[in-house]
Amino acid sequence: MERRRVSAVPPACVYHDIDPVEKAMRDCVGINTRRVLVDDGEAYGVARRYAGENMPEMLPRLERFHGPGSLFDLFGVEEDLRMALDPIVPLRSGGHLVIETTEALTAV
């Protein structure tokens, strides 16, 4: 990177991180992963290429999801995100916590 920085003529990119799909494959997929579902054609291609080059044992477990609906709908991701961002957290006992963030502190 230092060599690129020294030889670059501004404006120039001296560092480019890997694609987010490649990063997800690198960081989240391992030997214990049973399957990887991808619902976007371009992302699926990137994932297959990355797996082929770096983790060929994962190729049979990489699947293209064709619906119905989206993966977020199928696995309830939108609802989980909504609940995670909700300041009121229900407790099993029937009560709830209220988490409020202000400029100076986070109160529970």
Foldseek 3Di string as FASTA:
>chain_A
DVVCVVPDDPPDDPDDDDDPLLVCCVPPDDPPDQAAEDADPVSLVVNLVSCVVPPVVHNVRYYYDDDDPDPCVVVVVVVVVVQVPAQWAADPVGHIHGWDDDPVGIDD
